[in-house]
Amino acid sequence: MNFPQLPREPIRPERSKPEAEKELWQPTWKCFCCQDTGKVQLHLIRLVIPDYDHHQDKSVVCQNPQCQAGEMIRGNPNYDQRFTASICAKLDKFSREDWRLTQARKFVNIKALSEKIAMPGSCTRTENDNREVLLRKREIEAITHEQWMATRSKYLGGESD
């Protein structure tokens, strides 16, 4: 029988590219102003309304021209409609840049931390140290089962089951 041949279809195709940057999490929202909720994010509102109180003030509708999430609540008098498309576009741009910088800092911090952290009391091995470790490893691997059992009895006492 001849079956048609189909190419693979990976679950995460972006991970199959070797040049792809591997990140733990990447936002999937299209609008960074409201994160696709239709309501401007609190930390961004406070850039425009510094004394904004989310417990007492109306939620602010996203007016970003690139965002469709706020369409259902635009014009609703229960929401603050004062932000213009220009303000929301600037907030979106600001938030995107903030996200990019945060990710860059995280990468640098993790890399620096991984270079600093080592086992307590450890230090960088020299070539001579590596040779010594290899010799000890070979000696241990050469020990027979009977020798292991004799050593066990000597140091731990008693018989094995």
C-alpha atoms as a PDB file:
ATOM      1  CA  MET A   1       0.000   0.000   0.000  1.00  0.00           C
ATOM      2  CA  ASN A   2       1.085   3.540  -0.674  1.00  0.00           C
ATOM      3  CA  PHE A   3       0.251   6.065   1.987  1.00  0.00           C
ATOM      4  CA  PRO A   4       0.677   9.783   1.494  1.00  0.00           C
ATOM      5  CA  GLN A   5       3.766  11.173   3.193  1.00  0.00           C
ATOM      6  CA  LEU A   6       3.164  14.163   5.441  1.00  0.00           C
ATOM      7  CA  PRO A   7       5.742  16.384   7.146  1.00  0.00           C
ATOM      8  CA  ARG A   8       5.984  16.525  10.929  1.00  0.00           C
ATOM      9  CA  GLU A   9       3.823  19.021  12.774  1.00  0.00           C
ATOM     10  CA  PRO A  10       5.533  19.900  16.084  1.00  0.00           C
ATOM     11  CA  ILE A  11       3.464  21.081  19.026  1.00  0.00           C
ATOM     12  CA  ARG A  12       5.815  24.044  19.588  1.00  0.00           C
ATOM     13  CA  PRO A  13       7.348  24.831  16.182  1.00  0.00           C
ATOM     14  CA  GLU A  14       9.175  27.886  17.533  1.00  0.00           C
ATOM     15  CA  ARG A  15      11.285  25.585  19.725  1.00  0.00           C
ATOM     16  CA  SER A  16      12.519  23.503  16.816  1.00  0.00           C
ATOM     17  CA  LYS A  17      14.520  26.382  15.358  1.00  0.00           C
ATOM     18  CA  PRO A  18      18.078  26.385  16.729  1.00  0.00           C
ATOM     19  CA  GLU A  19      18.321  30.177  16.590  1.00  0.00           C
ATOM     20  CA  ALA A  20      15.076  30.553  18.532  1.00  0.00           C
ATOM     21  CA  GLU A  21      15.521  32.101  21.942  1.00  0.00           C
ATOM     22  CA  LYS A  22      14.314  29.750  24.642  1.00  0.00           C
ATOM     23  CA  GLU A  23      12.121  31.565  27.134  1.00  0.00           C
ATOM     24  CA  LEU A  24      10.090  30.147  29.957  1.00  0.00           C
ATOM     25  CA  TRP A  25       7.088  32.318  29.252  1.00  0.00           C
ATOM     26  CA  GLN A  26       6.170  34.820  26.617  1.00  0.00           C
ATOM     27  CA  PRO A  27       2.932  36.834  26.696  1.00  0.00           C
ATOM     28  CA  THR A  28       0.394  35.904  24.050  1.00  0.00           C
ATOM     29  CA  TRP A  29      -1.643  39.083  24.206  1.00  0.00           C
ATOM     30  CA  LYS A  30      -1.644  41.475  21.274  1.00  0.00           C
ATOM     31  CA  CYS A  31      -2.195  44.682  23.225  1.00  0.00           C
ATOM     32  CA  PHE A  32       0.259  45.438  26.018  1.00  0.00           C
ATOM     33  CA  CYS A  33      -1.891  48.346  27.217  1.00  0.00           C
ATOM     34  CA  CYS A  34      -4.772  46.155  28.400  1.00  0.00           C
ATOM     35  CA  GLN A  35      -3.281  42.659  27.963  1.00  0.00           C
ATOM     36  CA  ASP A  36      -6.336  41.847  25.793  1.00  0.00           C
ATOM     37  CA  THR A  37      -8.813  42.461  28.632  1.00  0.00           C
ATOM     38  CA  GLY A  38     -10.208  45.719  27.242  1.00  0.00           C
ATOM     39  CA  LYS A  39      -9.332  47.542  30.467  1.00  0.00           C
ATOM     40  CA  VAL A  40      -6.036  49.417  30.804  1.00  0.00           C
ATOM     41  CA  GLN A  41      -3.659  47.785  33.295  1.00  0.00           C
ATOM     42  CA  LEU A  42      -3.439  49.442  36.716  1.00  0.00           C
ATOM     43  CA  HIS A  43       0.291  50.244  36.597  1.00  0.00           C
ATOM     44  CA  LEU A  44      -0.239  51.972  33.224  1.00  0.00           C
ATOM     45  CA  ILE A  45      -3.290  53.935  34.407  1.00  0.00           C
ATOM     46  CA  ARG A  46      -1.177  55.354  37.226  1.00  0.00           C
ATOM     47  CA  LEU A  47       1.235  56.816  34.668  1.00  0.00           C
ATOM     48  CA  VAL A  48      -1.630  59.033  33.442  1.00  0.00           C
ATOM     49  CA  ILE A  49      -3.762  59.308  36.610  1.00  0.00           C
ATOM     50  CA  PRO A  50      -1.210  59.203  39.489  1.00  0.00           C
ATOM     51  CA  ASP A  51      -3.807  59.155  42.304  1.00  0.00           C
ATOM     52  CA  TYR A  52      -6.038  56.533  40.623  1.00  0.00           C
ATOM     53  CA  ASP A  53      -7.815  54.270  43.153  1.00  0.00           C
ATOM     54  CA  HIS A  54      -9.021  51.052  41.556  1.00  0.00           C
ATOM     55  CA  HIS A  55     -11.435  50.486  44.452  1.00  0.00           C
ATOM     56  CA  GLN A  56     -13.286  53.774  43.930  1.00  0.00           C
ATOM     57  CA  ASP A  57     -12.594  54.922  40.358  1.00  0.00           C
ATOM     58  CA  LYS A  58     -14.053  53.559  37.135  1.00  0.00           C
ATOM     59  CA  SER A  59     -11.983  51.087  35.124  1.00  0.00           C
ATOM     60  CA  VAL A  60     -10.341  52.716  32.113  1.00  0.00           C
ATOM     61  CA  VAL A  61     -11.245  51.392  28.660  1.00  0.00           C
ATOM     62  CA  CYS A  62      -8.407  50.653  26.237  1.00  0.00           C
ATOM     63  CA  GLN A  63      -8.710  52.826  23.153  1.00  0.00           C
ATOM     64  CA  ASN A  64      -5.608  51.503  21.378  1.00  0.00           C
ATOM     65  CA  PRO A  65      -6.404  51.457  17.635  1.00  0.00           C
ATOM     66  CA  GLN A  66      -4.630  48.068  17.291  1.00  0.00           C
ATOM     67  CA  CYS A  67      -6.764  46.506  20.069  1.00  0.00           C
ATOM     68  CA  GLN A  68     -10.196  44.991  19.642  1.00  0.00           C
ATOM     69  CA  ALA A  69     -10.591  43.789  23.239  1.00  0.00           C
ATOM     70  CA  GLY A  70     -12.098  47.067  24.475  1.00  0.00           C
ATOM     71  CA  GLU A  71     -14.735  47.356  21.731  1.00  0.00           C
ATOM     72  CA  MET A  72     -17.490  45.747  23.832  1.00  0.00           C
ATOM     73  CA  ILE A  73     -17.140  48.305  26.613  1.00  0.00           C
ATOM     74  CA  ARG A  74     -16.290  51.420  24.601  1.00  0.00           C
ATOM     75  CA  GLY A  75     -19.059  53.938  25.071  1.00  0.00           C
ATOM     76  CA  ASN A  76     -20.318  52.218  28.254  1.00  0.00           C
ATOM     77  CA  PRO A  77     -20.852  54.943  30.907  1.00  0.00           C
ATOM     78  CA  ASN A  78     -19.746  52.519  33.662  1.00  0.00           C
ATOM     79  CA  TYR A  79     -16.168  52.772  32.367  1.00  0.00           C
ATOM     80  CA  ASP A  80     -13.787  55.724  32.115  1.00  0.00           C
ATOM     81  CA  GLN A  81     -13.589  56.685  28.420  1.00  0.00           C
ATOM     82  CA  ARG A  82     -11.141  59.609  28.763  1.00  0.00           C
ATOM     83  CA  PHE A  83      -8.012  57.867  27.482  1.00  0.00           C
ATOM     84  CA  THR A  84      -7.510  58.633  23.808  1.00  0.00           C
ATOM     85  CA  ALA A  85      -6.187  56.291  21.136  1.00  0.00           C
ATOM     86  CA  SER A  86      -2.921  58.231  21.291  1.00  0.00           C
ATOM     87  CA  ILE A  87      -2.546  57.723  25.047  1.00  0.00           C
ATOM     88  CA  CYS A  88      -3.265  53.993  24.781  1.00  0.00           C
ATOM     89  CA  ALA A  89      -0.851  53.588  21.864  1.00  0.00           C
ATOM     90  CA  LYS A  90       1.882  55.277  23.952  1.00  0.00           C
ATOM     91  CA  LEU A  91       1.073  53.057  26.941  1.00  0.00           C
ATOM     92  CA  ASP A  92       1.238  49.985  24.688  1.00  0.00           C
ATOM     93  CA  LYS A  93       4.643  51.048  23.367  1.00  0.00           C
ATOM     94  CA  PHE A  94       5.893  51.804  26.894  1.00  0.00           C
ATOM     95  CA  SER A  95       4.714  48.436  28.215  1.00  0.00           C
ATOM     96  CA  ARG A  96       6.297  46.517  25.307  1.00  0.00           C
ATOM     97  CA  GLU A  97       9.641  48.199  25.927  1.00  0.00           C
ATOM     98  CA  ASP A  98       9.332  47.582  29.668  1.00  0.00           C
ATOM     99  CA  TRP A  99       8.667  43.881  28.987  1.00  0.00           C
ATOM    100  CA  ARG A 100      11.680  43.650  26.662  1.00  0.00           C
ATOM    101  CA  LEU A 101      13.994  45.303  29.205  1.00  0.00           C
ATOM    102  CA  THR A 102      12.682  43.128  32.040  1.00  0.00           C
ATOM    103  CA  GLN A 103      13.348  39.975  30.036  1.00  0.00           C
ATOM    104  CA  ALA A 104      16.860  41.167  29.158  1.00  0.00           C
ATOM    105  CA  ARG A 105      17.597  41.869  32.843  1.00  0.00           C
ATOM    106  CA  LYS A 106      16.273  38.458  33.892  1.00  0.00           C
ATOM    107  CA  PHE A 107      18.525  36.723  31.351  1.00  0.00           C
ATOM    108  CA  VAL A 108      21.593  38.649  32.520  1.00  0.00           C
ATOM    109  CA  ASN A 109      20.770  38.064  36.202  1.00  0.00           C
ATOM    110  CA  ILE A 110      20.239  34.325  35.733  1.00  0.00           C
ATOM    111  CA  LYS A 111      23.437  33.966  33.746  1.00  0.00           C
ATOM    112  CA  ALA A 112      25.467  35.954  36.305  1.00  0.00           C
ATOM    113  CA  LEU A 113      23.919  34.018  39.177  1.00  0.00           C
ATOM    114  CA  SER A 114      24.656  30.655  37.584  1.00  0.00           C
ATOM    115  CA  GLU A 115      28.295  31.668  37.156  1.00  0.00           C
ATOM    116  CA  LYS A 116      28.571  32.739  40.813  1.00  0.00           C
ATOM    117  CA  ILE A 117      26.811  29.830  42.507  1.00  0.00           C
ATOM    118  CA  ALA A 118      28.857  26.730  43.181  1.00  0.00           C
ATOM    119  CA  MET A 119      28.885  23.954  45.727  1.00  0.00           C
ATOM    120  CA  PRO A 120      30.080  25.173  49.139  1.00  0.00           C
ATOM    121  CA  GLY A 121      33.835  24.758  49.397  1.00  0.00           C
ATOM    122  CA  SER A 122      34.256  24.088  45.688  1.00  0.00           C
ATOM    123  CA  CYS A 123      36.655  25.879  43.408  1.00  0.00           C
ATOM    124  CA  THR A 124      37.613  25.795  39.768  1.00  0.00           C
ATOM    125  CA  ARG A 125      39.423  22.567  38.916  1.00  0.00           C
ATOM    126  CA  THR A 126      42.821  22.613  37.309  1.00  0.00           C
ATOM    127  CA  GLU A 127      43.904  20.094  34.674  1.00  0.00           C
ATOM    128  CA  ASN A 128      45.808  18.211  37.377  1.00  0.00           C
ATOM    129  CA  ASP A 129      42.651  18.075  39.544  1.00  0.00           C
ATOM    130  CA  ASN A 130      40.688  16.632  36.612  1.00  0.00           C
ATOM    131  CA  ARG A 131      43.329  13.905  36.141  1.00  0.00           C
ATOM    132  CA  GLU A 132      43.178  13.042  39.841  1.00  0.00           C
ATOM    133  CA  VAL A 133      39.377  12.761  39.753  1.00  0.00           C
ATOM    134  CA  LEU A 134      39.545  10.533  36.675  1.00  0.00           C
ATOM    135  CA  LEU A 135      42.081   8.211  38.364  1.00  0.00           C
ATOM    136  CA  ARG A 136      39.945   7.891  41.503  1.00  0.00           C
ATOM    137  CA  LYS A 137      36.876   7.191  39.378  1.00  0.00           C
ATOM    138  CA  ARG A 138      38.667   4.403  37.510  1.00  0.00           C
ATOM    139  CA  GLU A 139      39.861   2.859  40.790  1.00  0.00           C
ATOM    140  CA  ILE A 140      36.328   2.837  42.186  1.00  0.00           C
ATOM    141  CA  GLU A 141      34.887   1.360  38.994  1.00  0.00           C
ATOM    142  CA  ALA A 142      37.503  -1.446  39.123  1.00  0.00           C
ATOM    143  CA  ILE A 143      36.387  -2.692  42.566  1.00  0.00           C
ATOM    144  CA  THR A 144      34.611  -6.063  42.405  1.00  0.00           C
ATOM    145  CA  HIS A 145      31.300  -6.818  44.084  1.00  0.00           C
ATOM    146  CA  GLU A 146      33.041  -8.960  46.716  1.00  0.00           C
ATOM    147  CA  GLN A 147      35.387  -6.093  47.591  1.00  0.00           C
ATOM    148  CA  TRP A 148      32.387  -3.751  47.951  1.00  0.00           C
ATOM    149  CA  MET A 149      30.664  -6.198  50.285  1.00  0.00           C
ATOM    150  CA  ALA A 150      33.814  -6.638  52.394  1.00  0.00           C
ATOM    151  CA  THR A 151      34.197  -2.869  52.681  1.00  0.00           C
ATOM    152  CA  ARG A 152      30.539  -2.553  53.624  1.00  0.00           C
ATOM    153  CA  SER A 153      30.896  -5.126  56.403  1.00  0.00           C
ATOM    154  CA  LYS A 154      34.071  -3.497  57.688  1.00  0.00           C
ATOM    155  CA  TYR A 155      32.629   0.016  57.920  1.00  0.00           C
ATOM    156  CA  LEU A 156      28.941  -0.609  58.554  1.00  0.00           C
ATOM    157  CA  GLY A 157      29.160  -3.900  60.426  1.00  0.00           C
ATOM    158  CA  GLY A 158      26.738  -6.780  60.213  1.00  0.00           C
ATOM    159  CA  GLU A 159      25.844  -8.967  57.314  1.00  0.00           C
ATOM    160  CA  SER A 160      23.978  -7.977  54.191  1.00  0.00           C
ATOM    161  CA  ASP A 161      20.582  -9.474  53.404  1.00  0.00           C
END
